[in-house]
C-alpha cells in the first residue's frame, strides 16, 4: 500500500513538472516572438512558480508526515 502512495505522489509531481516545462517553453517562444517579456509577465511567472512550489511542498509534507507517523508507530510498538 505504501508503494501505491509513493507512485501517486511521484505521478502527480511528474505531471506538474511536465506541465510546467511545457508552459515554460511556450512562454519562452512567445517572449521571443514579442521581443521580450514585460514586468507583468514576469510577475505572473513568479506567481505561478511560487504556486507550483507551494503545491509540491504541501504534497511532500503530507507524504512525509504519514511516513514519520508510520515510523513512530513502529518504534513505539517495538519498545513495548
N, C-alpha and C. Protein backbone atom coordinates (compact mmCIF):
# COMPACT_ATOMS: atom_id res chain seq x y z
N UNK A 1 0.82 -1.20 0.00
CA UNK A 1 0.00 0.00 0.00
C UNK A 1 0.87 1.26 0.00
N UNK A 2 1.99 1.24 0.76
CA UNK A 2 2.87 2.40 0.78
C UNK A 2 3.47 2.67 -0.59
N UNK A 3 3.71 1.61 -1.38
CA UNK A 3 4.25 1.81 -2.73
C UNK A 3 3.24 2.53 -3.60
N UNK A 4 1.96 2.26 -3.40
CA UNK A 4 0.92 2.94 -4.19
C UNK A 4 0.88 4.42 -3.84
N UNK A 5 1.06 4.75 -2.56
CA UNK A 5 1.05 6.16 -2.15
C UNK A 5 2.23 6.87 -2.81
N UNK A 6 3.40 6.25 -2.78
CA UNK A 6 4.58 6.86 -3.38
C UNK A 6 4.43 7.06 -4.88
N UNK A 7 3.86 6.07 -5.57
CA UNK A 7 3.66 6.21 -7.01
C UNK A 7 2.68 7.33 -7.32
N UNK A 8 1.66 7.49 -6.48
CA UNK A 8 0.69 8.56 -6.69
C UNK A 8 1.32 9.93 -6.57
N UNK A 9 2.15 10.10 -5.55
CA UNK A 9 2.83 11.38 -5.34
C UNK A 9 3.81 11.64 -6.47
N UNK A 10 4.59 10.60 -6.83
CA UNK A 10 5.55 10.77 -7.93
C UNK A 10 4.83 11.07 -9.23
N UNK A 11 3.70 10.42 -9.46
CA UNK A 11 2.94 10.67 -10.68
C UNK A 11 2.42 12.09 -10.74
N UNK A 12 1.92 12.59 -9.61
CA UNK A 12 1.43 13.97 -9.57
C UNK A 12 2.57 14.95 -9.78
N UNK A 13 3.72 14.68 -9.14
CA UNK A 13 4.86 15.59 -9.30
C UNK A 13 5.34 15.59 -10.74
N UNK A 14 5.38 14.40 -11.36
CA UNK A 14 5.79 14.32 -12.76
C UNK A 14 4.83 15.10 -13.65
N UNK A 15 3.55 14.98 -13.36
CA UNK A 15 2.55 15.71 -14.14
C UNK A 15 2.72 17.22 -13.98
N UNK A 16 2.95 17.66 -12.76
CA UNK A 16 3.13 19.10 -12.50
C UNK A 16 4.38 19.60 -13.19
N UNK A 17 5.48 18.84 -13.09
CA UNK A 17 6.72 19.28 -13.70
C UNK A 17 6.63 19.28 -15.23
N UNK A 18 5.94 18.29 -15.80
CA UNK A 18 5.77 18.25 -17.25
C UNK A 18 4.95 19.44 -17.72
N UNK A 19 3.86 19.72 -17.01
CA UNK A 19 3.01 20.85 -17.36
C UNK A 19 3.80 22.16 -17.26
N UNK A 20 4.60 22.28 -16.20
CA UNK A 20 5.39 23.49 -16.02
C UNK A 20 6.43 23.63 -17.14
N UNK A 21 7.07 22.54 -17.54
CA UNK A 21 8.06 22.59 -18.61
C UNK A 21 7.43 23.00 -19.94
N UNK A 22 6.27 22.44 -20.25
CA UNK A 22 5.56 22.80 -21.49
C UNK A 22 5.17 24.27 -21.45
N UNK A 23 4.65 24.71 -20.31
CA UNK A 23 4.23 26.11 -20.17
C UNK A 23 5.45 27.03 -20.32
N UNK A 24 6.56 26.67 -19.70
CA UNK A 24 7.77 27.50 -19.75
C UNK A 24 8.29 27.62 -21.18
N UNK A 25 8.31 26.50 -21.91
CA UNK A 25 8.78 26.53 -23.30
C UNK A 25 7.87 27.39 -24.17
N UNK A 26 6.57 27.28 -23.95
CA UNK A 26 5.62 28.10 -24.69
C UNK A 26 5.82 29.58 -24.38
N UNK A 27 6.04 29.88 -23.11
CA UNK A 27 6.24 31.27 -22.70
C UNK A 27 7.52 31.83 -23.31
N UNK A 28 8.58 31.03 -23.32
CA UNK A 28 9.83 31.49 -23.93
C UNK A 28 9.66 31.75 -25.43
N UNK A 29 8.93 30.88 -26.11
CA UNK A 29 8.70 31.07 -27.55
C UNK A 29 7.92 32.36 -27.79
N UNK A 30 6.90 32.60 -26.98
CA UNK A 30 6.12 33.83 -27.13
C UNK A 30 6.95 35.07 -26.84
N UNK A 31 7.81 34.97 -25.84
CA UNK A 31 8.65 36.12 -25.48
C UNK A 31 9.59 36.47 -26.63
N UNK A 32 10.12 35.44 -27.30
CA UNK A 32 10.99 35.68 -28.45
C UNK A 32 10.22 36.35 -29.58
N UNK A 33 8.99 35.92 -29.79
CA UNK A 33 8.18 36.48 -30.88
C UNK A 33 7.82 37.93 -30.60
N UNK A 34 7.58 38.26 -29.33
CA UNK A 34 7.14 39.60 -28.98
C UNK A 34 8.30 40.53 -28.61
N UNK A 35 9.51 40.01 -28.67
CA UNK A 35 10.66 40.87 -28.39
C UNK A 35 10.96 41.04 -26.92
N UNK A 36 10.44 40.22 -26.04
CA UNK A 36 10.75 40.31 -24.61
C UNK A 36 9.49 40.36 -23.76
N UNK A 37 9.66 39.97 -22.53
CA UNK A 37 8.52 39.93 -21.61
C UNK A 37 8.47 41.24 -20.81
N UNK A 38 7.29 41.61 -20.43
CA UNK A 38 7.11 42.82 -19.62
C UNK A 38 7.16 42.44 -18.14
N UNK A 39 7.16 43.45 -17.29
CA UNK A 39 7.21 43.21 -15.85
C UNK A 39 5.97 42.43 -15.38
N UNK A 40 4.84 42.67 -16.01
CA UNK A 40 3.62 41.96 -15.63
C UNK A 40 3.77 40.48 -15.94
N UNK A 41 4.33 40.16 -17.08
CA UNK A 41 4.52 38.76 -17.43
C UNK A 41 5.51 38.09 -16.48
N UNK A 42 6.55 38.79 -16.09
CA UNK A 42 7.49 38.24 -15.12
C UNK A 42 6.79 37.99 -13.78
N UNK A 43 5.96 38.93 -13.37
CA UNK A 43 5.23 38.76 -12.12
C UNK A 43 4.31 37.55 -12.18
N UNK A 44 3.67 37.33 -13.31
CA UNK A 44 2.82 36.15 -13.46
C UNK A 44 3.63 34.87 -13.40
N UNK A 45 4.81 34.88 -14.03
CA UNK A 45 5.68 33.69 -13.97
C UNK A 45 6.09 33.39 -12.54
N UNK A 46 6.49 34.42 -11.81
CA UNK A 46 6.91 34.24 -10.42
C UNK A 46 5.75 33.70 -9.58
N UNK A 47 4.56 34.23 -9.79
CA UNK A 47 3.39 33.78 -9.04
C UNK A 47 3.07 32.32 -9.36
N UNK A 48 3.14 31.94 -10.61
CA UNK A 48 2.86 30.56 -10.99
C UNK A 48 3.91 29.61 -10.42
N UNK A 49 5.18 29.98 -10.52
CA UNK A 49 6.23 29.14 -9.98
C UNK A 49 6.07 28.99 -8.46
N UNK A 50 5.73 30.08 -7.79
CA UNK A 50 5.51 30.02 -6.33
C UNK A 50 4.35 29.08 -6.00
N UNK A 51 3.27 29.16 -6.78
CA UNK A 51 2.11 28.29 -6.55
C UNK A 51 2.48 26.82 -6.74
N UNK A 52 3.27 26.53 -7.77
CA UNK A 52 3.71 25.15 -8.01
C UNK A 52 4.59 24.67 -6.86
N UNK A 53 5.50 25.50 -6.41
CA UNK A 53 6.38 25.11 -5.31
C UNK A 53 5.57 24.86 -4.04
N UNK A 54 4.62 25.72 -3.74
CA UNK A 54 3.78 25.54 -2.56
C UNK A 54 2.99 24.23 -2.66
N UNK A 55 2.46 23.95 -3.84
CA UNK A 55 1.71 22.70 -4.03
C UNK A 55 2.58 21.48 -3.85
N UNK A 56 3.77 21.49 -4.42
CA UNK A 56 4.68 20.34 -4.30
C UNK A 56 5.12 20.16 -2.86
N UNK A 57 5.45 21.25 -2.17
CA UNK A 57 5.87 21.16 -0.77
C UNK A 57 4.73 20.64 0.09
N UNK A 58 3.50 21.05 -0.19
CA UNK A 58 2.35 20.57 0.56
C UNK A 58 2.18 19.07 0.38
N UNK A 59 2.25 18.60 -0.86
CA UNK A 59 2.10 17.16 -1.13
C UNK A 59 3.22 16.38 -0.46
N UNK A 60 4.46 16.86 -0.61
CA UNK A 60 5.59 16.16 0.01
C UNK A 60 5.50 16.20 1.53
N UNK A 61 5.03 17.31 2.08
CA UNK A 61 4.89 17.42 3.53
C UNK A 61 3.87 16.44 4.07
N UNK A 62 2.76 16.28 3.38
CA UNK A 62 1.75 15.33 3.81
C UNK A 62 2.28 13.90 3.73
N UNK A 63 2.98 13.59 2.66
CA UNK A 63 3.56 12.25 2.50
C UNK A 63 4.61 11.99 3.57
N UNK A 64 5.46 12.97 3.84
CA UNK A 64 6.49 12.82 4.87
C UNK A 64 5.85 12.64 6.24
N UNK A 65 4.80 13.37 6.51
CA UNK A 65 4.11 13.26 7.79
C UNK A 65 3.57 11.85 7.98
N UNK A 66 3.00 11.27 6.93
CA UNK A 66 2.49 9.91 7.00
C UNK A 66 3.63 8.93 7.26
N UNK A 67 4.75 9.11 6.58
CA UNK A 67 5.89 8.22 6.75
C UNK A 67 6.45 8.31 8.17
N UNK A 68 6.61 9.53 8.68
CA UNK A 68 7.12 9.69 10.04
C UNK A 68 6.14 9.11 11.05
N UNK A 69 4.85 9.23 10.80
CA UNK A 69 3.85 8.63 11.68
C UNK A 69 3.97 7.12 11.70
N UNK A 70 4.20 6.52 10.54
CA UNK A 70 4.37 5.07 10.46
C UNK A 70 5.61 4.63 11.22
N UNK A 71 6.70 5.38 11.06
CA UNK A 71 7.94 5.05 11.76
C UNK A 71 7.75 5.21 13.27
N UNK A 72 7.10 6.28 13.70
CA UNK A 72 6.87 6.49 15.13
C UNK A 72 6.02 5.37 15.71
N UNK A 73 5.02 4.92 14.98
CA UNK A 73 4.18 3.82 15.45
C UNK A 73 5.00 2.54 15.55
N UNK A 74 5.83 2.29 14.56
CA UNK A 74 6.66 1.09 14.57
C UNK A 74 7.67 1.12 15.71
N UNK A 75 8.28 2.25 15.95
CA UNK A 75 9.25 2.39 17.02
C UNK A 75 8.56 2.28 18.38
N UNK A 76 7.40 2.89 18.51
CA UNK A 76 6.64 2.81 19.76
C UNK A 76 6.20 1.39 20.05
N UNK A 77 5.82 0.64 19.01
CA UNK A 77 5.40 -0.76 19.18
C UNK A 77 6.57 -1.66 19.51
N UNK A 78 7.76 -1.31 19.02
CA UNK A 78 8.94 -2.15 19.26
C UNK A 78 9.42 -2.01 20.70
N UNK A 79 9.17 -0.86 21.31
CA UNK A 79 9.63 -0.64 22.68
C UNK A 79 8.75 -1.31 23.72
N UNK A 80 7.58 -1.76 23.34
CA UNK A 80 6.66 -2.37 24.32
C UNK A 80 7.04 -3.78 24.66
